[in-house]
Amino acid sequence: MTAAEIRRVVADTLKTEILPKDGSDTVGSPTKITSAAGEIPLEVSARHLHLSQEALDALFGAGSVLRCQKELSQPGEFLSDKRVTLATAQGKLTNVAVLGPVRQNVQAELSASDCRKLRLEAPIAISGDLSRAADIEIHSEKGTYHAKKAVIIAKNHIHATPADAEKLGLSSGQRVSVRTNTPRPVTFHDVAVRIDPNFTLAMHIDTDEANACCANGNRKEESGKLETAQADLAANQPNAQKSAETLSADNRQLPTDSCLLVDEKLVCETRAKELAGQCGGRIKIAKRTILTPSARDVFLHRGIEIIPVDSA
């Protein structure tokens, strides 16, 4: 099933990052690198927004649809034709790109610099963890939407398939150190590992982090060199420890020897939360089953490995 077909099925069922040359804000196409051992393609994620269908309708009219302008590096994700303004009483950000497909919850991923401009206190968090997220107003030419618990500063992270993870010696929820192969090399610690069969191998950093290491996201030689796993890093970094605890809080209480098999047409965020409470550290998903992005975030946020299997 192609990415376009997946989006159509999800839309029918739900009724539903470096800046590109066109100036839009999104995650760019993957940097094509023939990586040496331990190297990971480096991508820069600029500010962007994910919308729920409710928010999309409020901003652009009932029944609105996100149309693909550009496929992104992670399969199923795309830059849409919609742009919005994010605002607080102290400032605003214009021409913010909306990514598709629609999600269960509104999520704005901004840099720390963006948040300072808006006088906004937002947490550094893994995508999908909106427990401490900040509120924001979203404006379009047609409407306004007040999003509660929507803004995060996206934590740097690695996307990997199970095969990538095995090759690199990584596990879901693990934290590692990565040194950038950029004009100003920087070592990022406490980088979160996320594993999913449909991912494309890449490390995502935001624009503040890209500026720090002088990355531009368009040069083939830019990558990250995997240095160390960080089993004891959290002991020396309280914020990292808190983030790690948040990431795995539910998963720590689950048995590790069970592996639930799911063979359904579609798994959305609500259903994923139900399933996450029933499985251990792994879950088998039939290849015909479509997982929405927010459903994937639920499993990845809880450190649950997704294993694709043939339909029962």
C-alpha atoms as a PDB file:
ATOM      1  CA  MET A   1       0.000   0.000   0.000  1.00  0.00           C
ATOM      2  CA  THR A   2       1.415   3.385  -0.999  1.00  0.00           C
ATOM      3  CA  ALA A   3       1.633   6.408   1.307  1.00  0.00           C
ATOM      4  CA  ALA A   4      -1.104   8.114  -0.707  1.00  0.00           C
ATOM      5  CA  GLU A   5      -3.398   5.097  -0.331  1.00  0.00           C
ATOM      6  CA  ILE A   6      -2.748   4.995   3.418  1.00  0.00           C
ATOM      7  CA  ARG A   7      -3.672   8.671   3.754  1.00  0.00           C
ATOM      8  CA  ARG A   8      -6.919   8.135   1.812  1.00  0.00           C
ATOM      9  CA  VAL A   9      -7.960   5.191   4.013  1.00  0.00           C
ATOM     10  CA  VAL A  10      -7.121   7.088   7.206  1.00  0.00           C
ATOM     11  CA  ALA A  11      -8.999  10.184   5.994  1.00  0.00           C
ATOM     12  CA  ASP A  12     -12.048   8.123   5.033  1.00  0.00           C
ATOM     13  CA  THR A  13     -12.029   6.286   8.347  1.00  0.00           C
ATOM     14  CA  LEU A  14     -11.455   9.262  10.641  1.00  0.00           C
ATOM     15  CA  LYS A  15     -13.217  11.868   8.439  1.00  0.00           C
ATOM     16  CA  THR A  16     -10.535  13.403   8.525  1.00  0.00           C
ATOM     17  CA  GLU A  17      12.755  19.988   9.421  1.00  0.00           C
ATOM     18  CA  ILE A  18      15.854  22.905   7.806  1.00  0.00           C
ATOM     19  CA  LEU A  19      13.599  25.229   5.866  1.00  0.00           C
ATOM     20  CA  PRO A  20      13.058  24.285   2.216  1.00  0.00           C
ATOM     21  CA  LYS A  21      13.906  26.702  -0.573  1.00  0.00           C
ATOM     22  CA  ASP A  22      10.269  27.796  -0.764  1.00  0.00           C
ATOM     23  CA  GLY A  23      10.473  29.193   2.774  1.00  0.00           C
ATOM     24  CA  SER A  24       7.993  26.741   4.278  1.00  0.00           C
ATOM     25  CA  ASP A  25       8.608  25.211   7.705  1.00  0.00           C
ATOM     26  CA  THR A  26       8.898  21.452   7.816  1.00  0.00           C
ATOM     27  CA  VAL A  27      11.174  18.451   7.976  1.00  0.00           C
ATOM     28  CA  GLY A  28      13.214  18.200   4.798  1.00  0.00           C
ATOM     29  CA  SER A  29      13.824  15.216   2.577  1.00  0.00           C
ATOM     30  CA  PRO A  30      16.363  12.779   3.974  1.00  0.00           C
ATOM     31  CA  THR A  31      20.050  13.524   3.491  1.00  0.00           C
ATOM     32  CA  LYS A  32      21.277  10.663   1.320  1.00  0.00           C
ATOM     33  CA  ILE A  33      24.421   9.270   2.914  1.00  0.00           C
ATOM     34  CA  THR A  34      26.283   6.028   2.568  1.00  0.00           C
ATOM     35  CA  SER A  35      26.909   5.803   6.293  1.00  0.00           C
ATOM     36  CA  ALA A  36      29.925   4.329   7.903  1.00  0.00           C
ATOM     37  CA  ALA A  37      29.449   2.183  10.990  1.00  0.00           C
ATOM     38  CA  GLY A  38      27.491   4.035  13.639  1.00  0.00           C
ATOM     39  CA  GLU A  39      26.628   7.023  11.422  1.00  0.00           C
ATOM     40  CA  ILE A  40      23.089   8.331  11.102  1.00  0.00           C
ATOM     41  CA  PRO A  41      21.729  10.822   8.513  1.00  0.00           C
ATOM     42  CA  LEU A  42      21.133  14.221  10.113  1.00  0.00           C
ATOM     43  CA  GLU A  43      17.935  16.191   9.437  1.00  0.00           C
ATOM     44  CA  VAL A  44      16.780  19.550  10.741  1.00  0.00           C
ATOM     45  CA  SER A  45      13.168  20.037  11.788  1.00  0.00           C
ATOM     46  CA  ALA A  46      11.927  23.626  11.674  1.00  0.00           C
ATOM     47  CA  ARG A  47       8.783  24.859  13.400  1.00  0.00           C
ATOM     48  CA  HIS A  48       5.618  23.118  12.254  1.00  0.00           C
ATOM     49  CA  LEU A  49       2.116  22.204  13.336  1.00  0.00           C
ATOM     50  CA  HIS A  50      -0.015  19.056  13.426  1.00  0.00           C
ATOM     51  CA  LEU A  51      -3.789  19.595  13.460  1.00  0.00           C
ATOM     52  CA  SER A  52      -6.757  17.552  14.595  1.00  0.00           C
ATOM     53  CA  GLN A  53      -9.782  17.404  12.283  1.00  0.00           C
ATOM     54  CA  GLU A  54     -11.680  19.622  14.729  1.00  0.00           C
ATOM     55  CA  ALA A  55      -8.969  22.291  14.545  1.00  0.00           C
ATOM     56  CA  LEU A  56      -8.683  21.959  10.769  1.00  0.00           C
ATOM     57  CA  ASP A  57     -12.436  22.500  10.384  1.00  0.00           C
ATOM     58  CA  ALA A  58     -12.385  25.541  12.690  1.00  0.00           C
ATOM     59  CA  LEU A  59      -9.484  27.129  10.824  1.00  0.00           C
ATOM     60  CA  PHE A  60     -10.356  26.331   7.208  1.00  0.00           C
ATOM     61  CA  GLY A  61     -14.032  25.292   7.134  1.00  0.00           C
ATOM     62  CA  ALA A  62     -16.006  22.135   7.827  1.00  0.00           C
ATOM     63  CA  GLY A  63     -14.765  19.087   5.946  1.00  0.00           C
ATOM     64  CA  SER A  64     -11.394  20.622   5.104  1.00  0.00           C
ATOM     65  CA  VAL A  65      -8.653  18.257   3.941  1.00  0.00           C
ATOM     66  CA  LEU A  66      -4.869  18.524   4.121  1.00  0.00           C
ATOM     67  CA  ARG A  67      -3.478  18.144   0.607  1.00  0.00           C
ATOM     68  CA  CYS A  68       0.064  16.956   0.047  1.00  0.00           C
ATOM     69  CA  GLN A  69       2.567  19.463  -1.321  1.00  0.00           C
ATOM     70  CA  LYS A  70       5.670  17.422  -0.582  1.00  0.00           C
ATOM     71  CA  GLU A  71       6.372  13.969   0.827  1.00  0.00           C
ATOM     72  CA  LEU A  72       8.639  14.077   3.888  1.00  0.00           C
ATOM     73  CA  SER A  73      11.414  11.715   4.878  1.00  0.00           C
ATOM     74  CA  GLN A  74       9.317   9.691   7.306  1.00  0.00           C
ATOM     75  CA  PRO A  75       6.827   7.535   5.341  1.00  0.00           C
ATOM     76  CA  GLY A  76       3.224   8.736   5.444  1.00  0.00           C
ATOM     77  CA  GLU A  77       4.152  12.261   6.606  1.00  0.00           C
ATOM     78  CA  PHE A  78       3.797  15.216   4.239  1.00  0.00           C
ATOM     79  CA  LEU A  79       3.968  18.995   3.976  1.00  0.00           C
ATOM     80  CA  SER A  80       0.402  20.200   3.413  1.00  0.00           C
ATOM     81  CA  ASP A  81      -0.995  23.142   1.487  1.00  0.00           C
ATOM     82  CA  LYS A  82      -2.067  24.945   4.689  1.00  0.00           C
ATOM     83  CA  ARG A  83      -0.229  27.726   6.564  1.00  0.00           C
ATOM     84  CA  VAL A  84      -1.214  29.386   9.834  1.00  0.00           C
ATOM     85  CA  THR A  85      -0.138  31.993  12.368  1.00  0.00           C
ATOM     86  CA  LEU A  86       0.675  30.989  15.941  1.00  0.00           C
ATOM     87  CA  ALA A  87       0.060  33.748  18.473  1.00  0.00           C
ATOM     88  CA  THR A  88       0.199  34.738  22.126  1.00  0.00           C
ATOM     89  CA  ALA A  89      -0.480  38.102  23.733  1.00  0.00           C
ATOM     90  CA  GLN A  90       3.245  38.865  23.436  1.00  0.00           C
ATOM     91  CA  GLY A  91       4.060  37.781  19.888  1.00  0.00           C
ATOM     92  CA  LYS A  92       3.289  35.734  16.813  1.00  0.00           C
ATOM     93  CA  LEU A  93       4.866  33.426  14.238  1.00  0.00           C
ATOM     94  CA  THR A  94       3.527  33.665  10.686  1.00  0.00           C
ATOM     95  CA  ASN A  95       3.563  31.226   7.760  1.00  0.00           C
ATOM     96  CA  VAL A  96       3.852  28.157  10.005  1.00  0.00           C
ATOM     97  CA  ALA A  97       3.586  24.966   7.982  1.00  0.00           C
ATOM     98  CA  VAL A  98       0.913  22.385   8.741  1.00  0.00           C
ATOM     99  CA  LEU A  99       2.001  18.774   8.318  1.00  0.00           C
ATOM    100  CA  GLY A 100      -0.293  15.922   7.448  1.00  0.00           C
ATOM    101  CA  PRO A 101      -2.114  13.683   7.912  1.00  0.00           C
ATOM    102  CA  VAL A 102      -4.417  14.966  10.654  1.00  0.00           C
ATOM    103  CA  ARG A 103      -3.801  13.687  14.177  1.00  0.00           C
ATOM    104  CA  GLN A 104      -5.908  13.050  17.234  1.00  0.00           C
ATOM    105  CA  ASN A 105      -4.424  16.093  19.005  1.00  0.00           C
ATOM    106  CA  VAL A 106      -3.066  19.473  17.951  1.00  0.00           C
ATOM    107  CA  GLN A 107       0.715  19.613  18.381  1.00  0.00           C
ATOM    108  CA  ALA A 108       2.975  22.590  17.629  1.00  0.00           C
ATOM    109  CA  GLU A 109       6.692  21.813  17.553  1.00  0.00           C
ATOM    110  CA  LEU A 110       8.710  24.994  18.101  1.00  0.00           C
ATOM    111  CA  SER A 111      12.309  25.846  18.943  1.00  0.00           C
ATOM    112  CA  ALA A 112      13.334  27.410  22.236  1.00  0.00           C
ATOM    113  CA  SER A 113      13.993  30.652  20.315  1.00  0.00           C
ATOM    114  CA  ASP A 114      10.439  30.579  18.934  1.00  0.00           C
ATOM    115  CA  CYS A 115       9.052  30.145  22.445  1.00  0.00           C
ATOM    116  CA  ARG A 116      11.087  33.081  23.749  1.00  0.00           C
ATOM    117  CA  LYS A 117       9.679  35.261  20.985  1.00  0.00           C
ATOM    118  CA  LEU A 118       6.164  34.253  22.021  1.00  0.00           C
ATOM    119  CA  ARG A 119       6.994  34.577  25.756  1.00  0.00           C
ATOM    120  CA  LEU A 120       5.831  30.991  26.030  1.00  0.00           C
ATOM    121  CA  GLU A 121       7.004  28.358  28.506  1.00  0.00           C
ATOM    122  CA  ALA A 122       6.935  25.028  26.686  1.00  0.00           C
ATOM    123  CA  PRO A 123       8.546  21.747  27.791  1.00  0.00           C
ATOM    124  CA  ILE A 124      11.174  19.768  25.928  1.00  0.00           C
ATOM    125  CA  ALA A 125       9.252  16.600  25.135  1.00  0.00           C
ATOM    126  CA  ILE A 126       9.000  13.612  22.830  1.00  0.00           C
ATOM    127  CA  SER A 127       6.367  13.982  20.109  1.00  0.00           C
ATOM    128  CA  GLY A 128       3.020  12.828  21.470  1.00  0.00           C
ATOM    129  CA  ASP A 129       3.792  13.722  25.101  1.00  0.00           C
ATOM    130  CA  LEU A 130       1.564  16.764  25.642  1.00  0.00           C
ATOM    131  CA  SER A 131       1.098  16.334  29.386  1.00  0.00           C
ATOM    132  CA  ARG A 132       2.950  19.585  30.155  1.00  0.00           C
ATOM    133  CA  ALA A 133       2.510  21.320  26.774  1.00  0.00           C
ATOM    134  CA  ALA A 134       1.701  25.034  26.532  1.00  0.00           C
ATOM    135  CA  ASP A 135      -1.462  26.625  25.145  1.00  0.00           C
ATOM    136  CA  ILE A 136      -1.459  28.556  21.860  1.00  0.00           C
ATOM    137  CA  GLU A 137      -3.825  30.468  19.573  1.00  0.00           C
ATOM    138  CA  ILE A 138      -3.888  29.416  15.931  1.00  0.00           C
ATOM    139  CA  HIS A 139      -5.091  31.848  13.267  1.00  0.00           C
ATOM    140  CA  SER A 140      -5.899  31.455   9.583  1.00  0.00           C
ATOM    141  CA  GLU A 141      -7.633  33.733   7.109  1.00  0.00           C
ATOM    142  CA  LYS A 142     -10.887  31.904   7.855  1.00  0.00           C
ATOM    143  CA  GLY A 143     -10.862  31.251  11.579  1.00  0.00           C
ATOM    144  CA  THR A 144      -9.191  30.932  14.975  1.00  0.00           C
ATOM    145  CA  TYR A 145      -8.609  27.916  17.173  1.00  0.00           C
ATOM    146  CA  HIS A 146      -7.527  27.970  20.831  1.00  0.00           C
ATOM    147  CA  ALA A 147      -5.322  24.915  21.332  1.00  0.00           C
ATOM    148  CA  LYS A 148      -4.882  23.701  24.900  1.00  0.00           C
ATOM    149  CA  LYS A 149      -1.720  21.768  25.806  1.00  0.00           C
ATOM    150  CA  ALA A 150      -0.347  21.877  22.288  1.00  0.00           C
ATOM    151  CA  VAL A 151       3.148  23.432  22.214  1.00  0.00           C
ATOM    152  CA  ILE A 152       6.354  21.493  22.853  1.00  0.00           C
ATOM    153  CA  ILE A 153      10.036  21.915  22.064  1.00  0.00           C
ATOM    154  CA  ALA A 154      10.623  18.623  20.299  1.00  0.00           C
ATOM    155  CA  LYS A 155      13.362  16.565  21.931  1.00  0.00           C
ATOM    156  CA  ASN A 156      16.148  15.505  19.581  1.00  0.00           C
ATOM    157  CA  HIS A 157      15.678  11.885  18.620  1.00  0.00           C
ATOM    158  CA  ILE A 158      16.617   9.078  16.260  1.00  0.00           C
ATOM    159  CA  HIS A 159      14.152   7.354  13.927  1.00  0.00           C
ATOM    160  CA  ALA A 160      15.168   3.763  13.146  1.00  0.00           C
ATOM    161  CA  THR A 161      13.670   0.567  11.788  1.00  0.00           C
ATOM    162  CA  PRO A 162      14.165  -2.659  13.775  1.00  0.00           C
ATOM    163  CA  ALA A 163      16.854  -3.621  11.245  1.00  0.00           C
ATOM    164  CA  ASP A 164      18.609  -0.259  11.681  1.00  0.00           C
ATOM    165  CA  ALA A 165      18.402  -0.615  15.446  1.00  0.00           C
ATOM    166  CA  GLU A 166      19.882  -4.103  15.407  1.00  0.00           C
ATOM    167  CA  LYS A 167      22.746  -2.943  13.184  1.00  0.00           C
ATOM    168  CA  LEU A 168      23.463   0.042  15.426  1.00  0.00           C
ATOM    169  CA  GLY A 169      22.893  -1.811  18.686  1.00  0.00           C
ATOM    170  CA  LEU A 170      19.950   0.365  19.711  1.00  0.00           C
ATOM    171  CA  SER A 171      16.714  -0.361  21.560  1.00  0.00           C
ATOM    172  CA  SER A 172      13.415   1.539  21.794  1.00  0.00           C
ATOM    173  CA  GLY A 173      13.443   4.211  24.501  1.00  0.00           C
ATOM    174  CA  GLN A 174      17.220   4.091  24.854  1.00  0.00           C
ATOM    175  CA  ARG A 175      19.205   7.334  25.238  1.00  0.00           C
ATOM    176  CA  VAL A 176      22.488   7.799  23.373  1.00  0.00           C
ATOM    177  CA  SER A 177      25.193  10.365  22.585  1.00  0.00           C
ATOM    178  CA  VAL A 178      25.667  11.514  18.983  1.00  0.00           C
ATOM    179  CA  ARG A 179      28.478  13.706  17.605  1.00  0.00           C
ATOM    180  CA  THR A 180      27.557  15.699  14.494  1.00  0.00           C
ATOM    181  CA  ASN A 181      29.663  15.572  11.349  1.00  0.00           C
ATOM    182  CA  THR A 182      29.180  19.302  10.653  1.00  0.00           C
ATOM    183  CA  PRO A 183      31.385  22.415  10.271  1.00  0.00           C
ATOM    184  CA  ARG A 184      31.140  22.953  14.043  1.00  0.00           C
ATOM    185  CA  PRO A 185      30.933  19.454  15.555  1.00  0.00           C
ATOM    186  CA  VAL A 186      28.695  19.170  18.596  1.00  0.00           C
ATOM    187  CA  THR A 187      27.964  16.118  20.740  1.00  0.00           C
ATOM    188  CA  PHE A 188      24.307  15.818  21.706  1.00  0.00           C
ATOM    189  CA  HIS A 189      23.610  13.761  24.818  1.00  0.00           C
ATOM    190  CA  ASP A 190      20.387  12.083  25.920  1.00  0.00           C
ATOM    191  CA  VAL A 191      19.160  11.593  22.335  1.00  0.00           C
ATOM    192  CA  ALA A 192      15.992   9.468  22.384  1.00  0.00           C
ATOM    193  CA  VAL A 193      15.756   6.343  20.226  1.00  0.00           C
ATOM    194  CA  ARG A 194      12.446   5.598  18.498  1.00  0.00           C
ATOM    195  CA  ILE A 195      11.964   2.354  16.567  1.00  0.00           C
ATOM    196  CA  ASP A 196       9.246   1.539  14.044  1.00  0.00           C
ATOM    197  CA  PRO A 197       9.188  -0.679  10.915  1.00  0.00           C
ATOM    198  CA  ASN A 198       7.929   2.250   8.796  1.00  0.00           C
ATOM    199  CA  PHE A 199      10.592   4.754   9.830  1.00  0.00           C
ATOM    200  CA  THR A 200      13.476   5.998   7.710  1.00  0.00           C
ATOM    201  CA  LEU A 201      16.804   6.127   9.551  1.00  0.00           C
ATOM    202  CA  ALA A 202      17.518   9.724  10.605  1.00  0.00           C
ATOM    203  CA  MET A 203      18.383  11.882  13.587  1.00  0.00           C
ATOM    204  CA  HIS A 204      16.160  14.957  13.979  1.00  0.00           C
ATOM    205  CA  ILE A 205      17.364  18.172  15.576  1.00  0.00           C
ATOM    206  CA  ASP A 206      15.631  21.558  15.634  1.00  0.00           C
ATOM    207  CA  THR A 207      16.827  24.853  14.169  1.00  0.00           C
ATOM    208  CA  ASP A 208      18.451  26.043  17.401  1.00  0.00           C
ATOM    209  CA  GLU A 209      20.495  22.851  17.554  1.00  0.00           C
ATOM    210  CA  ALA A 210      21.296  23.119  13.840  1.00  0.00           C
ATOM    211  CA  ASN A 211      22.608  26.655  14.318  1.00  0.00           C
ATOM    212  CA  ALA A 212      24.767  25.493  17.227  1.00  0.00           C
ATOM    213  CA  CYS A 213      26.553  22.909  15.069  1.00  0.00           C
ATOM    214  CA  CYS A 214      26.332  24.900  11.787  1.00  0.00           C
ATOM    215  CA  ALA A 215      24.217  22.248  10.055  1.00  0.00           C
ATOM    216  CA  ASN A 216      22.293  23.250   6.958  1.00  0.00           C
ATOM    217  CA  GLY A 217      20.616  19.925   6.156  1.00  0.00           C
ATOM    218  CA  ASN A 218      21.437  20.028   2.444  1.00  0.00           C
ATOM    219  CA  ARG A 219      24.957  18.641   2.453  1.00  0.00           C
ATOM    220  CA  LYS A 220      25.429  14.940   1.919  1.00  0.00           C
ATOM    221  CA  GLU A 221      28.343  14.787   4.313  1.00  0.00           C
ATOM    222  CA  GLU A 222      26.233  15.885   7.290  1.00  0.00           C
ATOM    223  CA  SER A 223      25.478  13.052   9.638  1.00  0.00           C
ATOM    224  CA  GLY A 224      25.652  12.067  13.278  1.00  0.00           C
ATOM    225  CA  LYS A 225      28.199   9.618  14.667  1.00  0.00           C
ATOM    226  CA  LEU A 226      26.775   7.331  17.329  1.00  0.00           C
ATOM    227  CA  GLU A 227      29.130   7.472  20.300  1.00  0.00           C
ATOM    228  CA  THR A 228      27.756   5.928  23.478  1.00  0.00           C
ATOM    229  CA  ALA A 229      24.652   4.438  24.985  1.00  0.00           C
ATOM    230  CA  GLN A 230      23.778   6.349  28.116  1.00  0.00           C
ATOM    231  CA  ALA A 231      22.581   3.969  30.767  1.00  0.00           C
ATOM    232  CA  ASP A 232      23.812   6.243  33.554  1.00  0.00           C
ATOM    233  CA  LEU A 233      23.481   9.676  31.931  1.00  0.00           C
ATOM    234  CA  ALA A 234      20.204  10.480  33.691  1.00  0.00           C
ATOM    235  CA  ALA A 235      21.944  10.238  37.048  1.00  0.00           C
ATOM    236  CA  ASN A 236      24.041  13.248  36.075  1.00  0.00           C
ATOM    237  CA  GLN A 237      21.295  15.178  34.278  1.00  0.00           C
ATOM    238  CA  PRO A 238      18.079  15.708  36.302  1.00  0.00           C
ATOM    239  CA  ASN A 239      16.103  17.009  33.303  1.00  0.00           C
ATOM    240  CA  ALA A 240      17.170  14.039  31.228  1.00  0.00           C
ATOM    241  CA  GLN A 241      16.150  11.715  34.035  1.00  0.00           C
ATOM    242  CA  LYS A 242      12.720  13.307  34.309  1.00  0.00           C
ATOM    243  CA  SER A 243      12.218  13.029  30.559  1.00  0.00           C
ATOM    244  CA  ALA A 244      13.319   9.398  30.553  1.00  0.00           C
ATOM    245  CA  GLU A 245      10.948   8.611  33.400  1.00  0.00           C
ATOM    246  CA  THR A 246       8.075  10.253  31.538  1.00  0.00           C
ATOM    247  CA  LEU A 247       8.923   8.276  28.393  1.00  0.00           C
ATOM    248  CA  SER A 248       8.812   4.895  30.096  1.00  0.00           C
ATOM    249  CA  ALA A 249       6.526   5.433  33.099  1.00  0.00           C
ATOM    250  CA  ASP A 250       3.744   3.188  31.813  1.00  0.00           C
ATOM    251  CA  ASN A 251       6.036   0.662  30.170  1.00  0.00           C
ATOM    252  CA  ARG A 252       7.968  -0.066  33.386  1.00  0.00           C
ATOM    253  CA  GLN A 253       4.827  -1.563  34.914  1.00  0.00           C
ATOM    254  CA  LEU A 254       4.122  -3.902  32.017  1.00  0.00           C
ATOM    255  CA  PRO A 255       5.191  -7.527  31.743  1.00  0.00           C
ATOM    256  CA  THR A 256       7.966  -8.005  29.205  1.00  0.00           C
ATOM    257  CA  ASP A 257       7.181 -11.561  28.106  1.00  0.00           C
ATOM    258  CA  SER A 258       3.803 -10.971  26.420  1.00  0.00           C
ATOM    259  CA  CYS A 259       3.402  -9.985  22.768  1.00  0.00           C
ATOM    260  CA  LEU A 260      -0.115  -9.038  21.708  1.00  0.00           C
ATOM    261  CA  LEU A 261      -1.217  -9.619  18.105  1.00  0.00           C
ATOM    262  CA  VAL A 262      -3.420  -6.925  16.550  1.00  0.00           C
ATOM    263  CA  ASP A 263      -5.172  -7.579  13.234  1.00  0.00           C
ATOM    264  CA  GLU A 264      -7.579  -4.677  12.688  1.00  0.00           C
ATOM    265  CA  LYS A 265      -8.352  -2.312   9.827  1.00  0.00           C
ATOM    266  CA  LEU A 266      -7.228   0.808  11.654  1.00  0.00           C
ATOM    267  CA  VAL A 267      -5.666   1.650  15.017  1.00  0.00           C
ATOM    268  CA  CYS A 268      -6.126   5.263  16.158  1.00  0.00           C
ATOM    269  CA  GLU A 269      -4.718   6.967  19.255  1.00  0.00           C
ATOM    270  CA  THR A 270      -7.560   5.925  21.573  1.00  0.00           C
ATOM    271  CA  ARG A 271      -7.308   2.285  20.493  1.00  0.00           C
ATOM    272  CA  ALA A 272      -3.502   2.394  20.780  1.00  0.00           C
ATOM    273  CA  LYS A 273      -3.768   3.503  24.406  1.00  0.00           C
ATOM    274  CA  GLU A 274      -6.046   0.527  25.119  1.00  0.00           C
ATOM    275  CA  LEU A 275      -3.634  -1.877  23.433  1.00  0.00           C
ATOM    276  CA  ALA A 276      -0.591  -0.362  25.148  1.00  0.00           C
ATOM    277  CA  GLY A 277      -2.142  -1.242  28.477  1.00  0.00           C
ATOM    278  CA  GLN A 278      -2.558  -4.875  27.423  1.00  0.00           C
ATOM    279  CA  CYS A 279       0.851  -5.676  25.934  1.00  0.00           C
ATOM    280  CA  GLY A 280       4.410  -5.892  27.196  1.00  0.00           C
ATOM    281  CA  GLY A 281       7.468  -4.336  25.581  1.00  0.00           C
ATOM    282  CA  ARG A 282       6.452  -5.517  22.104  1.00  0.00           C
ATOM    283  CA  ILE A 283       3.279  -5.631  20.032  1.00  0.00           C
ATOM    284  CA  LYS A 284       2.615  -7.507  16.781  1.00  0.00           C
ATOM    285  CA  ILE A 285       0.662  -5.500  14.201  1.00  0.00           C
ATOM    286  CA  ALA A 286      -0.761  -7.148  11.070  1.00  0.00           C
ATOM    287  CA  LYS A 287       0.715  -5.632   7.910  1.00  0.00           C
ATOM    288  CA  ARG A 288      -2.766  -4.777   6.663  1.00  0.00           C
ATOM    289  CA  THR A 289      -3.486  -2.717   9.792  1.00  0.00           C
ATOM    290  CA  ILE A 290      -3.103   1.053   9.414  1.00  0.00           C
ATOM    291  CA  LEU A 291      -1.618   2.912  12.377  1.00  0.00           C
ATOM    292  CA  THR A 292      -2.330   6.633  12.541  1.00  0.00           C
ATOM    293  CA  PRO A 293       0.680   8.847  13.399  1.00  0.00           C
ATOM    294  CA  SER A 294      -0.742   9.566  16.841  1.00  0.00           C
ATOM    295  CA  ALA A 295      -1.204   5.828  17.449  1.00  0.00           C
ATOM    296  CA  ARG A 296       2.434   5.231  16.578  1.00  0.00           C
ATOM    297  CA  ASP A 297       3.404   7.980  18.992  1.00  0.00           C
ATOM    298  CA  VAL A 298       1.536   6.193  21.794  1.00  0.00           C
ATOM    299  CA  PHE A 299       3.526   2.986  21.296  1.00  0.00           C
ATOM    300  CA  LEU A 300       6.837   4.773  20.787  1.00  0.00           C
ATOM    301  CA  HIS A 301       6.285   7.074  23.753  1.00  0.00           C
ATOM    302  CA  ARG A 302       5.819   4.017  25.972  1.00  0.00           C
ATOM    303  CA  GLY A 303       8.860   2.243  24.540  1.00  0.00           C
ATOM    304  CA  ILE A 304       6.810  -0.498  22.865  1.00  0.00           C
ATOM    305  CA  GLU A 305       8.439  -2.132  19.857  1.00  0.00           C
ATOM    306  CA  ILE A 306       6.098  -2.608  16.851  1.00  0.00           C
ATOM    307  CA  ILE A 307       6.578  -5.891  14.992  1.00  0.00           C
ATOM    308  CA  PRO A 308       4.856  -6.201  11.570  1.00  0.00           C
ATOM    309  CA  VAL A 309       3.389  -9.642  10.843  1.00  0.00           C
ATOM    310  CA  ASP A 310       1.249 -11.206   8.134  1.00  0.00           C
ATOM    311  CA  SER A 311      -2.507 -11.043   8.734  1.00  0.00           C
ATOM    312  CA  ALA A 312      -3.989 -13.863  10.748  1.00  0.00           C
END
